[in-house]
C-alpha atoms as a PDB file:
ATOM      1  CA  MET A   1       0.000   0.000   0.000  1.00  0.00           C
ATOM      2  CA  PRO A   2       1.179   3.584  -0.604  1.00  0.00           C
ATOM      3  CA  THR A   3       2.849   5.457   2.252  1.00  0.00           C
ATOM      4  CA  GLY A   4       0.508   8.365   1.669  1.00  0.00           C
ATOM      5  CA  SER A   5       2.970  11.224   1.340  1.00  0.00           C
ATOM      6  CA  LEU A   6       1.634  12.171  -2.107  1.00  0.00           C
ATOM      7  CA  VAL A   7      -1.923  10.852  -1.894  1.00  0.00           C
ATOM      8  CA  GLY A   8      -4.370  13.044  -3.759  1.00  0.00           C
ATOM      9  CA  GLN A   9      -1.842  14.304  -6.293  1.00  0.00           C
ATOM     10  CA  VAL A  10      -1.527  13.402  -9.970  1.00  0.00           C
ATOM     11  CA  ALA A  11       1.680  12.914 -11.940  1.00  0.00           C
ATOM     12  CA  LEU A  12       2.053  12.701 -15.709  1.00  0.00           C
ATOM     13  CA  ILE A  13       5.194  10.893 -16.869  1.00  0.00           C
ATOM     14  CA  THR A  14       6.347  10.655 -20.484  1.00  0.00           C
ATOM     15  CA  GLY A  15       8.394   7.696 -21.667  1.00  0.00           C
ATOM     16  CA  ALA A  16       6.814   5.721 -18.839  1.00  0.00           C
ATOM     17  CA  GLY A  17       6.947   2.313 -20.472  1.00  0.00           C
ATOM     18  CA  ARG A  18      10.570   1.527 -19.737  1.00  0.00           C
ATOM     19  CA  GLY A  19      13.796   2.670 -18.149  1.00  0.00           C
ATOM     20  CA  ILE A  20      13.848   5.667 -15.835  1.00  0.00           C
ATOM     21  CA  GLY A  21      10.296   6.685 -16.751  1.00  0.00           C
ATOM     22  CA  ARG A  22       8.911   3.347 -15.599  1.00  0.00           C
ATOM     23  CA  GLU A  23      10.834   3.471 -12.328  1.00  0.00           C
ATOM     24  CA  LEU A  24       9.740   7.046 -11.632  1.00  0.00           C
ATOM     25  CA  ALA A  25       6.109   6.114 -12.219  1.00  0.00           C
ATOM     26  CA  VAL A  26       6.301   3.130  -9.868  1.00  0.00           C
ATOM     27  CA  GLY A  27       8.143   5.168  -7.235  1.00  0.00           C
ATOM     28  CA  LEU A  28       5.544   7.932  -7.291  1.00  0.00           C
ATOM     29  CA  ALA A  29       2.738   5.369  -7.199  1.00  0.00           C
ATOM     30  CA  ALA A  30       4.322   3.859  -4.087  1.00  0.00           C
ATOM     31  CA  GLU A  31       3.910   7.263  -2.432  1.00  0.00           C
ATOM     32  CA  GLY A  32       0.214   7.325  -3.247  1.00  0.00           C
ATOM     33  CA  MET A  33       0.325   9.501  -6.343  1.00  0.00           C
ATOM     34  CA  SER A  34      -2.062   8.794  -9.218  1.00  0.00           C
ATOM     35  CA  VAL A  35      -0.033   8.330 -12.388  1.00  0.00           C
ATOM     36  CA  GLY A  36      -0.724   9.170 -16.006  1.00  0.00           C
ATOM     37  CA  LEU A  37       1.617   7.120 -18.181  1.00  0.00           C
ATOM     38  CA  LEU A  38       2.520   8.310 -21.678  1.00  0.00           C
ATOM     39  CA  GLY A  39       4.552   6.465 -24.269  1.00  0.00           C
ATOM     40  CA  ARG A  40       4.519   5.085 -27.770  1.00  0.00           C
ATOM     41  CA  THR A  41       4.174   1.374 -26.948  1.00  0.00           C
ATOM     42  CA  GLN A  42       0.929   0.247 -25.384  1.00  0.00           C
ATOM     43  CA  GLN A  43       2.145  -3.034 -23.915  1.00  0.00           C
ATOM     44  CA  THR A  44       5.058  -1.534 -21.998  1.00  0.00           C
ATOM     45  CA  LEU A  45       2.747   1.149 -20.604  1.00  0.00           C
ATOM     46  CA  ILE A  46       0.289  -1.512 -19.479  1.00  0.00           C
ATOM     47  CA  ASP A  47       3.119  -3.392 -17.759  1.00  0.00           C
ATOM     48  CA  THR A  48       4.092  -0.224 -15.898  1.00  0.00           C
ATOM     49  CA  LEU A  49       0.456   0.453 -15.013  1.00  0.00           C
ATOM     50  CA  LYS A  50       0.110  -3.036 -13.503  1.00  0.00           C
ATOM     51  CA  GLU A  51       3.190  -2.457 -11.367  1.00  0.00           C
ATOM     52  CA  CYS A  52       1.815   0.885 -10.179  1.00  0.00           C
ATOM     53  CA  ALA A  53      -1.517  -0.752  -9.352  1.00  0.00           C
ATOM     54  CA  ARG A  54       0.270  -3.185  -7.030  1.00  0.00           C
ATOM     55  CA  HIS A  55       0.975  -0.185  -4.824  1.00  0.00           C
ATOM     56  CA  GLY A  56      -2.701   0.685  -4.718  1.00  0.00           C
ATOM     57  CA  ALA A  57      -2.301   3.704  -6.986  1.00  0.00           C
ATOM     58  CA  ARG A  58      -4.787   4.866  -9.567  1.00  0.00           C
ATOM     59  CA  GLY A  59      -3.438   5.211 -13.073  1.00  0.00           C
ATOM     60  CA  VAL A  60      -4.106   5.467 -16.767  1.00  0.00           C
ATOM     61  CA  ALA A  61      -1.942   4.517 -19.734  1.00  0.00           C
ATOM     62  CA  VAL A  62      -2.161   6.567 -22.921  1.00  0.00           C
ATOM     63  CA  THR A  63      -0.215   5.972 -26.117  1.00  0.00           C
ATOM     64  CA  ALA A  64       1.004   9.272 -27.527  1.00  0.00           C
ATOM     65  CA  ASP A  65       3.793  10.725 -29.635  1.00  0.00           C
ATOM     66  CA  VAL A  66       5.209  13.677 -27.682  1.00  0.00           C
ATOM     67  CA  THR A  67       6.387  15.355 -30.904  1.00  0.00           C
ATOM     68  CA  ARG A  68       2.776  15.761 -32.096  1.00  0.00           C
ATOM     69  CA  PHE A  69       0.876  18.435 -30.224  1.00  0.00           C
ATOM     70  CA  GLY A  70      -2.549  17.037 -31.126  1.00  0.00           C
ATOM     71  CA  SER A  71      -1.562  13.659 -29.682  1.00  0.00           C
ATOM     72  CA  VAL A  72      -0.210  15.291 -26.532  1.00  0.00           C
ATOM     73  CA  ARG A  73      -3.259  17.488 -26.031  1.00  0.00           C
ATOM     74  CA  GLU A  74      -5.590  14.501 -26.257  1.00  0.00           C
ATOM     75  CA  ALA A  75      -3.408  12.477 -23.876  1.00  0.00           C
ATOM     76  CA  VAL A  76      -3.484  15.268 -21.296  1.00  0.00           C
ATOM     77  CA  ARG A  77      -7.263  15.498 -21.661  1.00  0.00           C
ATOM     78  CA  VAL A  78      -7.633  11.763 -20.978  1.00  0.00           C
ATOM     79  CA  VAL A  79      -5.342  11.851 -17.944  1.00  0.00           C
ATOM     80  CA  GLU A  80      -7.150  14.819 -16.407  1.00  0.00           C
ATOM     81  CA  ARG A  81     -10.558  13.304 -17.166  1.00  0.00           C
ATOM     82  CA  ASP A  82      -9.671  10.006 -15.489  1.00  0.00           C
ATOM     83  CA  LEU A  83      -7.377  11.145 -12.671  1.00  0.00           C
ATOM     84  CA  GLY A  84      -7.883  14.866 -12.124  1.00  0.00           C
ATOM     85  CA  PRO A  85      -5.720  17.971 -12.541  1.00  0.00           C
ATOM     86  CA  ILE A  86      -1.998  17.357 -13.059  1.00  0.00           C
ATOM     87  CA  ASP A  87       0.208  18.373 -10.129  1.00  0.00           C
ATOM     88  CA  LEU A  88       3.522  17.067 -11.479  1.00  0.00           C
ATOM     89  CA  LEU A  89       4.719  16.818 -15.077  1.00  0.00           C
ATOM     90  CA  ILE A  90       7.816  14.733 -15.731  1.00  0.00           C
ATOM     91  CA  ASN A  91       9.354  15.197 -19.173  1.00  0.00           C
ATOM     92  CA  ASN A  92      11.339  11.991 -19.418  1.00  0.00           C
ATOM     93  CA  ALA A  93      10.849  10.758 -23.002  1.00  0.00           C
ATOM     94  CA  GLY A  94      14.074  11.121 -24.936  1.00  0.00           C
ATOM     95  CA  GLN A  95      16.314   9.852 -27.696  1.00  0.00           C
ATOM     96  CA  VAL A  96      20.060   9.871 -28.312  1.00  0.00           C
ATOM     97  CA  ASP A  97      22.143   9.993 -31.485  1.00  0.00           C
ATOM     98  CA  ARG A  98      22.068   6.565 -33.099  1.00  0.00           C
ATOM     99  CA  ALA A  99      25.770   6.628 -34.004  1.00  0.00           C
ATOM    100  CA  GLU A 100      28.731   8.207 -32.226  1.00  0.00           C
ATOM    101  CA  VAL A 101      29.922  10.270 -35.177  1.00  0.00           C
ATOM    102  CA  PRO A 102      30.743  13.933 -35.877  1.00  0.00           C
ATOM    103  CA  LEU A 103      27.920  16.104 -37.185  1.00  0.00           C
ATOM    104  CA  TRP A 104      29.085  15.958 -40.806  1.00  0.00           C
ATOM    105  CA  GLU A 105      28.632  12.180 -40.741  1.00  0.00           C
ATOM    106  CA  ALA A 106      25.311  12.136 -38.880  1.00  0.00           C
ATOM    107  CA  ASP A 107      22.066  10.898 -40.389  1.00  0.00           C
ATOM    108  CA  PRO A 108      20.133  14.179 -40.935  1.00  0.00           C
ATOM    109  CA  THR A 109      16.718  12.643 -40.342  1.00  0.00           C
ATOM    110  CA  GLN A 110      17.683  10.823 -37.155  1.00  0.00           C
ATOM    111  CA  TRP A 111      19.605  13.849 -35.860  1.00  0.00           C
ATOM    112  CA  TRP A 112      16.480  15.984 -36.094  1.00  0.00           C
ATOM    113  CA  GLN A 113      14.310  13.246 -34.582  1.00  0.00           C
ATOM    114  CA  VAL A 114      16.475  13.408 -31.471  1.00  0.00           C
ATOM    115  CA  VAL A 115      16.044  17.172 -31.218  1.00  0.00           C
ATOM    116  CA  GLU A 116      12.297  16.908 -31.817  1.00  0.00           C
ATOM    117  CA  THR A 117      11.822  14.275 -29.125  1.00  0.00           C
ATOM    118  CA  ASN A 118      14.061  15.971 -26.558  1.00  0.00           C
ATOM    119  CA  LEU A 119      12.947  19.562 -27.120  1.00  0.00           C
ATOM    120  CA  ARG A 120       9.715  19.704 -29.063  1.00  0.00           C
ATOM    121  CA  GLY A 121       8.334  16.905 -26.903  1.00  0.00           C
ATOM    122  CA  PRO A 122       8.794  18.803 -23.615  1.00  0.00           C
ATOM    123  CA  PHE A 123       7.499  21.992 -25.251  1.00  0.00           C
ATOM    124  CA  ASN A 124       4.328  20.215 -26.361  1.00  0.00           C
ATOM    125  CA  MET A 125       3.826  18.774 -22.885  1.00  0.00           C
ATOM    126  CA  LEU A 126       4.420  22.146 -21.248  1.00  0.00           C
ATOM    127  CA  ARG A 127       2.062  23.867 -23.658  1.00  0.00           C
ATOM    128  CA  ALA A 128      -0.681  21.373 -22.869  1.00  0.00           C
ATOM    129  CA  VAL A 129      -0.195  21.116 -19.094  1.00  0.00           C
ATOM    130  CA  LEU A 130       0.920  24.583 -17.966  1.00  0.00           C
ATOM    131  CA  PRO A 131      -2.371  26.434 -18.630  1.00  0.00           C
ATOM    132  CA  GLY A 132      -4.074  24.309 -15.978  1.00  0.00           C
ATOM    133  CA  MET A 133      -1.226  24.717 -13.500  1.00  0.00           C
ATOM    134  CA  VAL A 134      -1.149  28.476 -14.029  1.00  0.00           C
ATOM    135  CA  GLU A 135      -4.919  28.745 -13.582  1.00  0.00           C
ATOM    136  CA  ARG A 136      -4.782  26.703 -10.359  1.00  0.00           C
ATOM    137  CA  ARG A 137      -1.635  28.548  -9.211  1.00  0.00           C
ATOM    138  CA  ARG A 138       0.177  25.364  -8.325  1.00  0.00           C
ATOM    139  CA  GLY A 139       2.223  22.681 -10.037  1.00  0.00           C
ATOM    140  CA  ARG A 140       5.688  21.313 -10.595  1.00  0.00           C
ATOM    141  CA  VAL A 141       7.623  20.314 -13.709  1.00  0.00           C
ATOM    142  CA  VAL A 142      10.671  18.057 -13.733  1.00  0.00           C
ATOM    143  CA  ASN A 143      12.619  17.925 -16.982  1.00  0.00           C
ATOM    144  CA  LEU A 144      14.983  14.959 -17.205  1.00  0.00           C
ATOM    145  CA  ASN A 145      18.145  16.630 -18.403  1.00  0.00           C
ATOM    146  CA  SER A 146      21.783  15.621 -18.745  1.00  0.00           C
ATOM    147  CA  GLY A 147      25.324  16.726 -18.108  1.00  0.00           C
ATOM    148  CA  PHE A 148      25.556  16.873 -21.900  1.00  0.00           C
ATOM    149  CA  ALA A 149      23.569  20.128 -21.653  1.00  0.00           C
ATOM    150  CA  LEU A 150      26.534  21.794 -19.960  1.00  0.00           C
ATOM    151  CA  ARG A 151      29.455  20.794 -22.138  1.00  0.00           C
ATOM    152  CA  PRO A 152      30.120  20.402 -25.855  1.00  0.00           C
ATOM    153  CA  ASP A 153      30.301  16.879 -27.215  1.00  0.00           C
ATOM    154  CA  GLY A 154      31.302  16.330 -30.818  1.00  0.00           C
ATOM    155  CA  HIS A 155      29.946  12.801 -30.995  1.00  0.00           C
ATOM    156  CA  TYR A 156      26.435  13.363 -29.614  1.00  0.00           C
ATOM    157  CA  THR A 157      25.629  16.726 -31.150  1.00  0.00           C
ATOM    158  CA  ALA A 158      21.865  16.204 -31.408  1.00  0.00           C
ATOM    159  CA  TYR A 159      21.496  14.995 -27.830  1.00  0.00           C
ATOM    160  CA  ALA A 160      23.781  17.663 -26.359  1.00  0.00           C
ATOM    161  CA  THR A 161      22.157  20.447 -28.387  1.00  0.00           C
ATOM    162  CA  SER A 162      18.636  19.392 -27.438  1.00  0.00           C
ATOM    163  CA  LYS A 163      19.440  19.071 -23.738  1.00  0.00           C
ATOM    164  CA  GLY A 164      21.162  22.451 -23.691  1.00  0.00           C
ATOM    165  CA  ALA A 165      18.124  23.976 -25.384  1.00  0.00           C
ATOM    166  CA  LEU A 166      15.814  22.306 -22.864  1.00  0.00           C
ATOM    167  CA  LEU A 167      17.781  23.826 -20.008  1.00  0.00           C
ATOM    168  CA  GLN A 168      17.557  27.223 -21.684  1.00  0.00           C
ATOM    169  CA  LEU A 169      13.813  26.767 -22.168  1.00  0.00           C
ATOM    170  CA  SER A 170      13.360  26.182 -18.443  1.00  0.00           C
ATOM    171  CA  ASP A 171      15.403  29.288 -17.702  1.00  0.00           C
ATOM    172  CA  ASN A 172      13.271  31.372 -20.056  1.00  0.00           C
ATOM    173  CA  ILE A 173       9.970  30.367 -18.462  1.00  0.00           C
ATOM    174  CA  ALA A 174      11.101  30.264 -14.822  1.00  0.00           C
ATOM    175  CA  ASP A 175      10.332  33.869 -13.893  1.00  0.00           C
ATOM    176  CA  SER A 176       6.908  33.916 -15.500  1.00  0.00           C
ATOM    177  CA  LEU A 177       6.001  30.587 -13.874  1.00  0.00           C
ATOM    178  CA  ALA A 178       7.179  31.764 -10.463  1.00  0.00           C
ATOM    179  CA  ALA A 179       4.545  34.496 -10.587  1.00  0.00           C
ATOM    180  CA  HIS A 180       1.936  31.717 -10.734  1.00  0.00           C
ATOM    181  CA  ARG A 181       3.586  29.475  -8.097  1.00  0.00           C
ATOM    182  CA  VAL A 182       4.603  26.844 -10.634  1.00  0.00           C
ATOM    183  CA  VAL A 183       8.068  25.315 -10.206  1.00  0.00           C
ATOM    184  CA  VAL A 184      10.288  23.998 -13.000  1.00  0.00           C
ATOM    185  CA  LEU A 185      13.460  21.987 -12.397  1.00  0.00           C
ATOM    186  CA  ASP A 186      15.957  20.348 -14.728  1.00  0.00           C
ATOM    187  CA  ILE A 187      17.364  17.230 -13.084  1.00  0.00           C
ATOM    188  CA  SER A 188      20.103  15.022 -14.499  1.00  0.00           C
ATOM    189  CA  PRO A 189      20.144  11.458 -13.167  1.00  0.00           C
ATOM    190  CA  GLY A 190      23.775  11.033 -14.192  1.00  0.00           C
ATOM    191  CA  ALA A 191      24.939   7.951 -16.052  1.00  0.00           C
ATOM    192  CA  VAL A 192      22.417   5.253 -15.175  1.00  0.00           C
ATOM    193  CA  ALA A 193      22.019   1.897 -16.875  1.00  0.00           C
ATOM    194  CA  THR A 194      19.106   1.927 -19.316  1.00  0.00           C
ATOM    195  CA  ASP A 195      18.445   0.518 -22.783  1.00  0.00           C
ATOM    196  CA  MET A 196      19.422   3.915 -24.208  1.00  0.00           C
ATOM    197  CA  THR A 197      22.731   4.311 -22.381  1.00  0.00           C
ATOM    198  CA  ALA A 198      23.643   0.683 -22.954  1.00  0.00           C
ATOM    199  CA  GLY A 199      23.700   1.410 -26.679  1.00  0.00           C
ATOM    200  CA  MET A 200      26.071   4.374 -26.368  1.00  0.00           C
ATOM    201  CA  PRO A 201      29.685   3.436 -27.209  1.00  0.00           C
ATOM    202  CA  MET A 202      31.065   5.918 -24.669  1.00  0.00           C
ATOM    203  CA  PHE A 203      29.570   3.820 -21.877  1.00  0.00           C
ATOM    204  CA  LYS A 204      30.642   0.384 -23.147  1.00  0.00           C
ATOM    205  CA  ASP A 205      33.366   0.054 -20.480  1.00  0.00           C
ATOM    206  CA  MET A 206      31.350   1.661 -17.690  1.00  0.00           C
ATOM    207  CA  LYS A 207      32.028  -0.135 -14.412  1.00  0.00           C
ATOM    208  CA  THR A 208      29.993   1.924 -11.948  1.00  0.00           C
ATOM    209  CA  TRP A 209      26.584   3.270 -12.893  1.00  0.00           C
ATOM    210  CA  GLY A 210      24.494   5.858 -11.101  1.00  0.00           C
ATOM    211  CA  SER A 211      21.553   4.759  -9.009  1.00  0.00           C
ATOM    212  CA  ILE A 212      18.076   4.750 -10.531  1.00  0.00           C
ATOM    213  CA  PRO A 213      16.489   4.229  -7.072  1.00  0.00           C
ATOM    214  CA  TYR A 214      18.262   7.384  -5.902  1.00  0.00           C
ATOM    215  CA  MET A 215      16.868   9.293  -8.880  1.00  0.00           C
ATOM    216  CA  VAL A 216      13.422   8.002  -7.940  1.00  0.00           C
ATOM    217  CA  ALA A 217      13.883   9.216  -4.362  1.00  0.00           C
ATOM    218  CA  VAL A 218      15.002  12.648  -5.589  1.00  0.00           C
ATOM    219  CA  THR A 219      11.965  12.907  -7.867  1.00  0.00           C
ATOM    220  CA  VAL A 220       9.661  11.985  -4.994  1.00  0.00           C
ATOM    221  CA  ASP A 221      11.316  14.722  -2.940  1.00  0.00           C
ATOM    222  CA  ALA A 222      10.811  17.147  -5.844  1.00  0.00           C
ATOM    223  CA  ALA A 223       7.114  16.258  -5.875  1.00  0.00           C
ATOM    224  CA  ARG A 224       6.979  17.002  -2.148  1.00  0.00           C
ATOM    225  CA  GLY A 225       8.522  20.430  -2.755  1.00  0.00           C
ATOM    226  CA  ARG A 226      11.977  19.867  -1.296  1.00  0.00           C
ATOM    227  CA  PHE A 227      13.684  21.639  -4.215  1.00  0.00           C
ATOM    228  CA  ASP A 228      11.182  24.429  -4.847  1.00  0.00           C
ATOM    229  CA  ALA A 229      13.746  27.033  -3.760  1.00  0.00           C
ATOM    230  CA  LEU A 230      15.946  25.886  -6.676  1.00  0.00           C
ATOM    231  CA  HIS A 231      13.227  26.795  -9.178  1.00  0.00           C
ATOM    232  CA  GLY A 232      14.575  27.205 -12.707  1.00  0.00           C
ATOM    233  CA  ARG A 233      17.918  25.604 -11.846  1.00  0.00           C
ATOM    234  CA  PHE A 234      19.911  22.554 -12.893  1.00  0.00           C
ATOM    235  CA  ILE A 235      20.438  19.676 -10.449  1.00  0.00           C
ATOM    236  CA  HIS A 236      22.881  16.843 -11.130  1.00  0.00           C
ATOM    237  CA  VAL A 237      21.824  13.870  -9.031  1.00  0.00           C
ATOM    238  CA  GLY A 238      24.970  11.937  -9.888  1.00  0.00           C
ATOM    239  CA  ARG A 239      27.316  14.631  -8.559  1.00  0.00           C
ATOM    240  CA  ASP A 240      25.521  17.139  -6.372  1.00  0.00           C
ATOM    241  CA  ASN A 241      25.331  17.256  -2.618  1.00  0.00           C
ATOM    242  CA  LEU A 242      21.613  17.942  -2.506  1.00  0.00           C
ATOM    243  CA  GLU A 243      21.575  19.065   1.123  1.00  0.00           C
ATOM    244  CA  GLU A 244      24.187  21.678   0.261  1.00  0.00           C
ATOM    245  CA  LEU A 245      22.273  22.808  -2.831  1.00  0.00           C
ATOM    246  CA  VAL A 246      19.094  23.335  -0.839  1.00  0.00           C
ATOM    247  CA  ALA A 247      21.001  25.163   1.905  1.00  0.00           C
ATOM    248  CA  ARG A 248      22.594  27.451  -0.679  1.00  0.00           C
ATOM    249  CA  ALA A 249      19.435  28.031  -2.723  1.00  0.00           C
ATOM    250  CA  GLU A 250      19.185  31.732  -1.864  1.00  0.00           C
ATOM    251  CA  ALA A 251      22.835  32.353  -2.780  1.00  0.00           C
ATOM    252  CA  ILE A 252      22.395  30.337  -5.963  1.00  0.00           C
ATOM    253  CA  ARG A 253      19.496  32.555  -7.006  1.00  0.00           C
ATOM    254  CA  GLU A 254      21.295  35.782  -6.091  1.00  0.00           C
ATOM    255  CA  SER A 255      24.395  34.835  -8.089  1.00  0.00           C
ATOM    256  CA  ASP A 256      22.293  33.546 -11.004  1.00  0.00           C
ATOM    257  CA  ALA A 257      24.080  30.205 -10.716  1.00  0.00           C
ATOM    258  CA  ARG A 258      23.039  26.840 -12.131  1.00  0.00           C
ATOM    259  CA  THR A 259      21.806  28.392 -15.364  1.00  0.00           C
ATOM    260  CA  LEU A 260      23.313  28.641 -18.843  1.00  0.00           C
ATOM    261  CA  ARG A 261      25.013  31.996 -19.318  1.00  0.00           C
ATOM    262  CA  LEU A 262      27.579  33.451 -21.703  1.00  0.00           C
ATOM    263  CA  ARG A 263      30.734  34.028 -19.645  1.00  0.00           C
ATOM    264  CA  PRO A 264      32.159  37.553 -20.105  1.00  0.00           C
ATOM    265  CA  TYR A 265      35.900  37.860 -20.712  1.00  0.00           C
ATOM    266  CA  GLY A 266      36.129  40.717 -18.235  1.00  0.00           C
ATOM    267  CA  PRO A 267      34.273  43.691 -16.718  1.00  0.00           C
ATOM    268  CA  ASP A 268      34.581  45.622 -19.989  1.00  0.00           C
ATOM    269  CA  ASP A 269      32.950  42.849 -22.039  1.00  0.00           C
ATOM    270  CA  PRO A 270      29.788  44.347 -23.615  1.00  0.00           C
ATOM    271  CA  VAL A 271      27.804  41.179 -22.812  1.00  0.00           C
ATOM    272  CA  ALA A 272      28.678  41.347 -19.099  1.00  0.00           C
END
């Protein structure tokens, strides 16, 4: 049975049929949250839904392509009809470059598919879910991001570009959402073992993976509001001391830290 810490709340998780998305859904269900499960494969969503139901949680599984706004809008309508208003949106669905090659060797179609899934997908979800959160003056958004957003990588240009853009998107909407008491966070789970990461050559010799259960615990804490003071910021679960981040939240906001910014070369730099 659920512990009850999130009873009465509704989460919507994309990419919920497998990997991190599945584990997040089950973890939130174990805390009593009702879960809307989105993905492209019906059977994997049903499997996740059954696991969530074992914890006594209500849920609904909806097949949807996050890159198509009409599909997303209908999925959100079904989730809210069956479960109620959405309190937590988790943008987890994502893709990575199929081959570890420089941009001039990349498959153009697949490159853009990665960007569409990782950026257009979250935009579509935000566009469909945020109006309700803003009207109710409450809600939280967790974007599953990556350390790739923070550094250039010549072999995963689509993934790195899309994750950097997602982080910038969160930064651009943070102030306007704060006025309506809606929180947005970008959280990187670090390098965790999933079907996606297992196919990435850079991880073929990985000996120690990050902890998916820890990422689940952090997401549950985010749903409870533990990280609200870090609104609009980037959190790296695999590296951060979360207690320290929370303690320094005010200083982080004042110094405009944990956001993407162009670094000036000095005090006389026009962009400073």
